[in-house]
């Protein structure tokens, strides 16, 4: 009888990250603790940063030392990177989550018809920890655009101070008054627990389909708003495709290029700015360390995190040489936010007919979901269990042993 173990390697990564001097010992101990099974499915489903902190070399060493019959299921965001083992299967977990819940199991309803005649757009912000989730919302409010939005804004007491730094034009009292006036919920189940996705653990955007049915388009707020080498695309994008609304995008640079490469329509030909997701008027800060492209960014962030938005940044008094680079980044971000806002205003004034593109994205998302399910069927066959919905969870998410 075949036995197998599904083993999530995220905790192993953090163990070596916090104790790099004992990596060989950590590897040996983990291999000893999981031995005795016929086959193994290892997963690295979520961690986005391990390529930056030595994790890539660590996992190469792990799989060189491991002698069992195994496959590694890894987040598809790393598809263009050097795999840590030749037994790697790249899997888009976020895309599967959207397809699984809206189409496969229908545990959440979805909107099937685009409402071009609607007079509002959908804006779902999430945590107020980035400028496009706070400052951009404030800038839109100054233009009266929030009055035409089905939107959420959740700035609570613990995040008041950090969120205020993105809007230095307001005094603290003025900012608090604005928050109290504009905080808003759509009464939809929403929770986010980064790194913990799967059917048994909260971690999924579940904006009710009625809001899509009432919206002409969505201003899609991505998780980040940076110039990272790996654009962070989550379930938000795929949920939007499956709910049949066009979108204007505010997320990491390059994200629309990734979605377009996946075969989706990104509507860049229907706004007034060509390739608006990538604005290169200001130079990107380049890392001095080719092995760690984010080192400079992290130094900049740590150096100026106590400062407010650059309008009040004391350039000539700052002891950190990196501050100019930080200011350049903020100017670049401001330019991108203004461009996105202009796109929103244009669509509110005259929405183009993108019915064919909306329909294409819907069916293309379903087609890609079917392909992902084929991968899960193959994983079930690898460990000789039935390819059922329940068993898909067992090979993907939870550490599970089967006899």
Protein backbone atom coordinates (compact mmCIF):
# COMPACT_ATOMS: atom_id res chain seq x y z
CA UNK A 1 0.00 0.00 0.00
CA UNK A 2 1.36 3.42 -0.97
CA UNK A 3 1.86 6.03 1.74
CA UNK A 4 2.54 9.67 1.09
CA UNK A 5 3.20 12.90 2.95
CA UNK A 6 2.22 16.39 1.84
CA UNK A 7 4.71 18.76 3.44
CA UNK A 8 4.61 22.57 3.32
CA UNK A 9 8.19 23.87 3.38
CA UNK A 10 7.40 27.44 4.40
CA UNK A 11 8.26 26.91 8.06
CA UNK A 12 11.50 25.21 7.07
CA UNK A 13 12.41 28.32 5.08
CA UNK A 14 11.84 30.59 8.07
CA UNK A 15 13.81 28.23 10.31
CA UNK A 16 16.89 28.53 8.10
CA UNK A 17 16.32 32.25 7.65
CA UNK A 18 16.54 32.84 11.39
CA UNK A 19 19.41 30.39 11.91
CA UNK A 20 21.51 30.43 8.70
CA UNK A 21 24.60 29.17 10.49
CA UNK A 22 22.97 25.76 11.03
CA UNK A 23 21.39 25.15 7.63
CA UNK A 24 22.90 21.69 7.15
CA UNK A 25 21.67 20.65 10.58
CA UNK A 26 18.17 22.02 9.90
CA UNK A 27 18.02 20.12 6.61
CA UNK A 28 19.20 16.88 8.19
CA UNK A 29 16.74 17.18 11.07
CA UNK A 30 13.80 17.83 8.77
CA UNK A 31 14.63 14.95 6.46
CA UNK A 32 14.90 12.65 9.46
CA UNK A 33 11.54 13.83 10.82
CA UNK A 34 9.62 13.02 7.60
CA UNK A 35 11.26 9.79 6.50
CA UNK A 36 9.32 6.56 6.10
CA UNK A 37 6.84 7.42 3.32
CA UNK A 38 6.74 6.07 -0.20
CA UNK A 39 6.08 9.39 -1.90
CA UNK A 40 6.16 13.06 -1.01
CA UNK A 41 4.50 16.25 -2.23
CA UNK A 42 6.41 19.30 -1.07
CA UNK A 43 4.81 22.73 -1.44
CA UNK A 44 6.15 26.26 -1.56
CA UNK A 45 2.88 27.91 -2.30
CA UNK A 46 3.04 31.46 -1.06
CA UNK A 47 6.34 32.88 0.16
CA UNK A 48 7.23 35.65 -2.27
CA UNK A 49 10.55 36.73 -0.86
CA UNK A 50 12.63 33.62 -0.40
CA UNK A 51 14.56 34.25 -3.62
CA UNK A 52 15.80 37.44 -1.99
CA UNK A 53 17.16 36.00 1.24
CA UNK A 54 19.15 32.94 0.33
CA UNK A 55 16.16 30.61 0.27
CA UNK A 56 16.77 29.56 -3.32
CA UNK A 57 20.20 28.11 -2.53
CA UNK A 58 18.89 26.64 0.71
CA UNK A 59 16.16 24.65 -1.02
CA UNK A 60 18.57 23.51 -3.70
CA UNK A 61 20.70 22.02 -0.93
CA UNK A 62 17.62 20.49 0.67
CA UNK A 63 16.56 18.64 -2.48
CA UNK A 64 20.11 17.56 -3.23
CA UNK A 65 20.13 15.90 0.20
CA UNK A 66 16.64 14.42 -0.01
CA UNK A 67 16.53 10.93 -1.57
CA UNK A 68 12.82 10.07 -1.61
CA UNK A 69 10.31 9.93 -4.47
CA UNK A 70 8.84 13.41 -4.59
CA UNK A 71 7.50 16.40 -6.51
CA UNK A 72 7.70 20.07 -5.50
CA UNK A 73 4.65 22.24 -6.14
CA UNK A 74 5.76 25.86 -6.30
CA UNK A 75 4.01 29.19 -6.75
CA UNK A 76 3.76 29.94 -10.48
CA UNK A 77 5.11 33.44 -9.87
CA UNK A 78 8.57 31.82 -10.02
CA UNK A 79 8.00 30.10 -13.35
CA UNK A 80 10.70 32.17 -15.05
CA UNK A 81 13.26 31.58 -12.33
CA UNK A 82 15.78 28.82 -11.98
CA UNK A 83 13.90 25.92 -10.30
CA UNK A 84 15.36 24.54 -7.09
CA UNK A 85 14.80 20.99 -8.33
CA UNK A 86 14.01 19.35 -11.67
CA UNK A 87 10.94 17.74 -10.04
CA UNK A 88 9.12 21.09 -9.85
CA UNK A 89 5.50 21.75 -10.84
CA UNK A 90 4.55 25.43 -11.03
CA UNK A 91 1.00 26.10 -9.88
CA UNK A 92 -0.99 29.35 -9.74
CA UNK A 93 -2.59 29.05 -6.31
CA UNK A 94 -4.46 32.36 -6.44
CA UNK A 95 -5.95 31.61 -9.84
CA UNK A 96 -7.04 28.20 -8.62
CA UNK A 97 -8.65 29.75 -5.52
CA UNK A 98 -10.83 31.99 -7.69
CA UNK A 99 -11.82 29.20 -10.07
CA UNK A 100 -12.35 26.70 -7.23
CA UNK A 101 -14.75 28.90 -5.27
CA UNK A 102 -16.66 30.65 -8.03
CA UNK A 103 -16.83 27.94 -10.70
CA UNK A 104 -15.77 24.50 -9.45
CA UNK A 105 -17.67 24.41 -6.14
CA UNK A 106 -19.80 27.55 -6.56
CA UNK A 107 -19.35 28.26 -2.87
CA UNK A 108 -19.61 31.94 -3.86
CA UNK A 109 -21.97 33.30 -6.49
CA UNK A 110 -20.54 35.33 -9.34
CA UNK A 111 -21.87 37.97 -11.69
CA UNK A 112 -22.35 36.76 -15.24
CA UNK A 113 -23.45 39.89 -17.12
CA UNK A 114 -21.53 43.14 -17.55
CA UNK A 115 -23.63 46.17 -16.57
CA UNK A 116 -22.31 48.79 -18.96
CA UNK A 117 -25.09 51.22 -18.06
CA UNK A 118 -24.23 51.30 -14.34
CA UNK A 119 -23.25 54.75 -13.03
CA UNK A 120 -20.80 53.60 -10.32
CA UNK A 121 -17.49 51.77 -10.27
CA UNK A 122 -16.25 49.23 -7.74
CA UNK A 123 -13.30 50.09 -5.50
CA UNK A 124 -12.14 47.56 -2.97
CA UNK A 125 -9.10 48.85 -1.05
CA UNK A 126 -8.05 46.31 1.59
CA UNK A 127 -5.47 47.27 4.21
CA UNK A 128 -4.41 50.96 4.18
CA UNK A 129 -0.70 50.15 4.20
CA UNK A 130 0.27 51.43 0.72
CA UNK A 131 -0.04 54.86 -0.92
CA UNK A 132 -2.50 53.66 -3.57
CA UNK A 133 -4.77 52.35 -0.79
CA UNK A 134 -4.79 55.65 1.12
CA UNK A 135 -3.34 58.65 -0.70
CA UNK A 136 -4.92 57.75 -4.04
CA UNK A 137 -8.32 57.34 -2.35
CA UNK A 138 -7.95 60.78 -0.77
CA UNK A 139 -6.97 62.32 -4.11
CA UNK A 140 -10.02 60.74 -5.73
CA UNK A 141 -12.21 62.12 -2.95
CA UNK A 142 -10.89 65.64 -3.69
CA UNK A 143 -12.20 65.21 -7.23
CA UNK A 144 -15.60 63.93 -6.11
CA UNK A 145 -14.99 60.45 -7.55
CA UNK A 146 -15.83 58.53 -4.38
CA UNK A 147 -19.42 59.68 -4.77
CA UNK A 148 -19.52 57.55 -7.93
CA UNK A 149 -17.93 54.52 -6.31
CA UNK A 150 -19.09 51.43 -4.48
CA UNK A 151 -16.03 51.47 -2.25
CA UNK A 152 -14.46 50.29 0.97
CA UNK A 153 -12.04 52.12 3.21
CA UNK A 154 -10.90 50.62 6.49
CA UNK A 155 -8.54 52.85 8.47
CA UNK A 156 -8.78 52.00 12.15
CA UNK A 157 -7.00 53.27 15.25
CA UNK A 158 -3.86 51.10 14.94
CA UNK A 159 -3.29 52.26 11.36
CA UNK A 160 -4.18 55.96 11.75
CA UNK A 161 -0.61 57.16 12.23
CA UNK A 162 0.97 55.11 9.46
CA UNK A 163 -1.81 55.95 6.99
CA UNK A 164 -1.56 59.66 7.79
CA UNK A 165 2.03 59.72 6.55
CA UNK A 166 0.76 59.25 3.01
CA UNK A 167 -1.33 62.46 3.21
CA UNK A 168 0.88 65.17 4.77
CA UNK A 169 -1.34 67.91 3.32
CA UNK A 170 -3.77 67.24 6.18
CA UNK A 171 -3.13 67.94 9.83
CA UNK A 172 -3.66 65.02 12.18
CA UNK A 173 -7.08 66.37 13.17
CA UNK A 174 -8.09 66.90 9.55
CA UNK A 175 -6.94 63.41 8.63
CA UNK A 176 -8.92 61.79 11.46
CA UNK A 177 -12.01 63.76 10.42
CA UNK A 178 -11.56 62.61 6.82
CA UNK A 179 -11.19 58.99 7.94
CA UNK A 180 -14.34 59.16 10.06
CA UNK A 181 -16.23 60.72 7.18
CA UNK A 182 -15.00 58.36 4.48
CA UNK A 183 -14.46 54.99 6.20
CA UNK A 184 -16.91 52.69 4.50
CA UNK A 185 -17.84 49.02 4.16
CA UNK A 186 -19.81 47.18 1.51
CA UNK A 187 -20.99 44.63 4.07
CA UNK A 188 -19.12 41.87 2.31
CA UNK A 189 -17.11 39.07 3.89
CA UNK A 190 -13.49 40.05 3.48
CA UNK A 191 -10.46 38.91 5.35
CA UNK A 192 -6.84 38.48 4.50
CA UNK A 193 -4.29 36.27 6.19
CA UNK A 194 -1.15 36.42 4.02
CA UNK A 195 0.58 33.12 3.59
CA UNK A 196 -2.38 31.03 4.65
CA UNK A 197 -4.61 30.28 1.71
CA UNK A 198 -6.82 27.31 1.21
CA UNK A 199 -10.38 26.16 1.79
CA UNK A 200 -9.92 25.51 5.49
CA UNK A 201 -8.20 28.82 6.25
CA UNK A 202 -9.53 32.36 5.62
CA UNK A 203 -7.60 34.18 2.95
CA UNK A 204 -9.85 35.04 0.05
CA UNK A 205 -11.50 38.15 -1.30
CA UNK A 206 -15.22 37.47 -1.38
CA UNK A 207 -16.81 40.71 -2.56
CA UNK A 208 -20.41 39.74 -3.19
CA UNK A 209 -21.36 39.37 -6.80
CA UNK A 210 -24.14 41.97 -6.44
CA UNK A 211 -21.53 44.73 -6.28
CA UNK A 212 -20.08 43.62 -9.60
CA UNK A 213 -23.58 43.60 -11.08
CA UNK A 214 -24.06 47.20 -9.92
CA UNK A 215 -20.71 48.44 -11.23
CA UNK A 216 -19.69 49.66 -14.65
CA UNK A 217 -16.06 48.74 -14.04
CA UNK A 218 -13.67 48.02 -11.23
CA UNK A 219 -10.68 50.04 -10.10
CA UNK A 220 -8.64 46.98 -9.25
CA UNK A 221 -6.26 47.68 -6.37
CA UNK A 222 -3.34 45.27 -6.49
CA UNK A 223 -1.49 44.20 -3.36
CA UNK A 224 1.52 46.43 -4.08
CA UNK A 225 2.25 49.51 -6.13
CA UNK A 226 5.97 49.12 -6.75
CA UNK A 227 8.48 48.35 -9.48
CA UNK A 228 9.28 44.92 -8.13
CA UNK A 229 10.81 42.30 -10.40
CA UNK A 230 7.97 39.93 -9.48
CA UNK A 231 4.57 41.65 -9.83
CA UNK A 232 2.26 40.38 -7.09
CA UNK A 233 -0.98 39.11 -8.63
CA UNK A 234 -3.53 37.51 -6.31
CA UNK A 235 -7.07 36.15 -6.45
CA UNK A 236 -8.41 39.72 -6.93
CA UNK A 237 -7.52 39.78 -10.61
CA UNK A 238 -9.03 36.38 -11.41
CA UNK A 239 -12.19 37.08 -9.40
CA UNK A 240 -12.65 40.20 -11.51
CA UNK A 241 -12.42 38.17 -14.73
CA UNK A 242 -14.97 35.67 -13.46
CA UNK A 243 -17.39 38.42 -12.36
CA UNK A 244 -17.54 39.92 -15.86
CA UNK A 245 -16.46 43.51 -15.29
CA UNK A 246 -13.70 45.45 -17.07
CA UNK A 247 -11.08 47.05 -14.88
CA UNK A 248 -8.53 49.81 -14.52
CA UNK A 249 -5.48 48.58 -12.68
CA UNK A 250 -3.54 50.07 -9.77
CA UNK A 251 -0.90 47.55 -8.74
CA UNK A 252 2.70 46.54 -9.27
CA UNK A 253 4.35 47.68 -12.47
CA UNK A 254 4.47 44.88 -14.98
CA UNK A 255 1.41 43.10 -13.59
CA UNK A 256 -0.67 43.81 -16.70
CA UNK A 257 2.14 42.47 -18.86
CA UNK A 258 1.98 39.20 -16.90
CA UNK A 259 -1.81 38.96 -17.25
CA UNK A 260 -1.60 39.74 -20.94
CA UNK A 261 0.99 36.99 -21.37
CA UNK A 262 -1.48 34.63 -19.70
CA UNK A 263 -3.95 35.47 -22.45
CA UNK A 264 -6.21 37.94 -20.65
CA UNK A 265 -7.49 41.25 -22.00
CA UNK A 266 -6.12 44.08 -19.83
CA UNK A 267 -7.98 46.99 -21.50
CA UNK A 268 -4.81 49.02 -22.01
CA UNK A 269 -6.01 49.92 -25.52
CA UNK A 270 -9.19 51.45 -24.10
CA UNK A 271 -7.71 54.11 -21.82
CA UNK A 272 -5.98 57.35 -22.77
CA UNK A 273 -2.52 56.21 -21.71
CA UNK A 274 -0.65 53.53 -23.58
CA UNK A 275 0.90 51.00 -21.20
CA UNK A 276 -0.24 53.08 -18.20
CA UNK A 277 0.77 50.37 -15.73
CA UNK A 278 4.45 51.01 -16.56
CA UNK A 279 5.61 54.63 -16.33
CA UNK A 280 9.30 55.15 -16.91
CA UNK A 281 9.65 58.94 -16.86
CA UNK A 282 11.54 58.63 -13.61
CA UNK A 283 14.46 56.19 -13.35
CA UNK A 284 14.10 53.12 -11.21
CA UNK A 285 16.53 52.75 -8.35
CA UNK A 286 18.99 50.02 -9.24
CA UNK A 287 20.45 47.71 -6.63
CA UNK A 288 24.14 47.86 -5.97
CA UNK A 289 24.05 44.18 -5.08
CA UNK A 290 23.15 42.00 -8.10
CA UNK A 291 22.43 39.08 -5.77
CA UNK A 292 19.76 41.04 -3.91
CA UNK A 293 17.81 43.41 -6.17
CA UNK A 294 15.67 44.65 -3.27
CA UNK A 295 18.47 45.55 -0.89
CA UNK A 296 18.48 49.24 -1.78
CA UNK A 297 14.71 49.49 -1.62
CA UNK A 298 14.63 47.99 1.84
CA UNK A 299 17.36 50.35 3.01
CA UNK A 300 15.43 53.30 1.63
CA UNK A 301 12.25 52.18 3.31
CA UNK A 302 13.96 51.67 6.67
CA UNK A 303 15.76 54.99 6.35
CA UNK A 304 12.68 57.10 5.75
CA UNK A 305 9.85 55.10 7.30
CA UNK A 306 9.66 57.64 10.14
CA UNK A 307 9.22 60.48 7.65
CA UNK A 308 6.03 61.57 5.97
CA UNK A 309 5.31 61.81 2.24
CA UNK A 310 8.11 63.79 0.48
CA UNK A 311 6.26 67.11 0.68
CA UNK A 312 7.58 67.35 4.23
CA UNK A 313 10.75 65.34 3.90
CA UNK A 314 13.73 67.42 5.18
CA UNK A 315 16.11 66.48 2.36
CA UNK A 316 19.01 68.68 3.42
CA UNK A 317 18.77 67.55 7.05
CA UNK A 318 18.43 63.83 6.50
CA UNK A 319 21.42 61.75 7.45
CA UNK A 320 20.57 59.01 4.95
CA UNK A 321 22.03 59.31 1.46
CA UNK A 322 19.24 57.13 0.13
CA UNK A 323 16.56 59.76 0.74
CA UNK A 324 16.82 61.21 -2.76
CA UNK A 325 16.12 57.78 -4.19
CA UNK A 326 13.12 57.49 -1.89
CA UNK A 327 11.80 60.85 -3.08
CA UNK A 328 12.21 59.77 -6.70
CA UNK A 329 10.19 56.67 -5.94
CA UNK A 330 7.44 58.74 -4.33
CA UNK A 331 7.32 61.09 -7.33
CA UNK A 332 7.07 58.06 -9.58
CA UNK A 333 4.25 56.64 -7.45
CA UNK A 334 2.43 60.00 -7.48
CA UNK A 335 2.65 60.12 -11.26
CA UNK A 336 1.24 56.61 -11.58
CA UNK A 337 -1.62 57.37 -9.16
CA UNK A 338 -2.57 60.50 -11.11
CA UNK A 339 -2.56 58.51 -14.34
CA UNK A 340 -4.86 55.86 -12.86
CA UNK A 341 -7.24 58.54 -11.57
CA UNK A 342 -7.38 60.11 -15.03
CA UNK A 343 -8.27 56.73 -16.51
CA UNK A 344 -11.10 56.37 -13.99
CA UNK A 345 -12.48 59.81 -14.83
CA UNK A 346 -12.34 59.07 -18.55
CA UNK A 347 -14.28 55.82 -18.19
CA UNK A 348 -16.91 57.47 -15.99
CA UNK A 349 -17.41 60.10 -18.66
CA UNK A 350 -17.49 57.69 -21.61
CA UNK A 351 -17.30 53.95 -21.08
CA UNK A 352 -16.06 52.15 -24.20
CA UNK A 353 -17.82 49.02 -25.40
CA UNK A 354 -15.58 46.18 -24.22
CA UNK A 355 -18.25 43.48 -24.13
CA UNK A 356 -16.20 41.08 -26.23
CA UNK A 357 -13.16 41.55 -24.00
CA UNK A 358 -15.18 40.95 -20.83
CA UNK A 359 -16.62 37.77 -22.32
CA UNK A 360 -13.19 36.59 -23.44
CA UNK A 361 -11.72 37.01 -19.94
CA UNK A 362 -14.57 35.06 -18.39
CA UNK A 363 -14.22 32.01 -20.61
CA UNK A 364 -10.44 32.20 -20.65
CA UNK A 365 -10.35 32.18 -16.84
CA UNK A 366 -12.54 29.07 -16.83
CA UNK A 367 -10.33 27.38 -19.42
CA UNK A 368 -7.22 28.08 -17.37
CA UNK A 369 -8.97 26.80 -14.24
CA UNK A 370 -9.68 23.51 -16.02
CA UNK A 371 -5.98 23.22 -16.87
CA UNK A 372 -5.05 23.79 -13.24
CA UNK A 373 -7.44 21.04 -12.21
CA UNK A 374 -5.65 18.64 -14.58
CA UNK A 375 -2.47 19.33 -12.64
CA UNK A 376 -4.22 18.41 -9.40
CA UNK A 377 -5.55 15.21 -10.97
CA UNK A 378 -1.97 14.29 -11.89
CA UNK A 379 -0.81 15.00 -8.34
CA UNK A 380 -3.52 12.72 -6.95
CA UNK A 381 -2.45 10.00 -9.36
CA UNK A 382 1.18 10.45 -8.28
CA UNK A 383 0.29 9.55 -4.70
CA UNK A 384 -2.41 7.07 -5.80
CA UNK A 385 -5.49 8.69 -4.33
CA UNK A 386 -8.80 9.52 -5.99
CA UNK A 387 -8.86 12.92 -7.77
CA UNK A 388 -11.71 14.41 -5.75
CA UNK A 389 -12.29 17.97 -4.58
CA UNK A 390 -11.50 16.92 -1.01
CA UNK A 391 -8.23 15.34 -2.09
CA UNK A 392 -7.21 18.44 -4.03
CA UNK A 393 -6.96 20.19 -0.67
CA UNK A 394 -4.83 17.38 0.71
CA UNK A 395 -2.20 17.63 -2.01
CA UNK A 396 -2.09 21.43 -1.98
CA UNK A 397 -2.66 23.05 1.38
CA UNK A 398 -2.54 21.11 4.60
CA UNK A 399 0.25 18.89 5.82
CA UNK A 400 -1.35 15.52 5.38
CA UNK A 401 -0.33 11.89 5.50
CA UNK A 402 -2.22 9.13 3.78
CA UNK A 403 -2.06 5.37 4.21
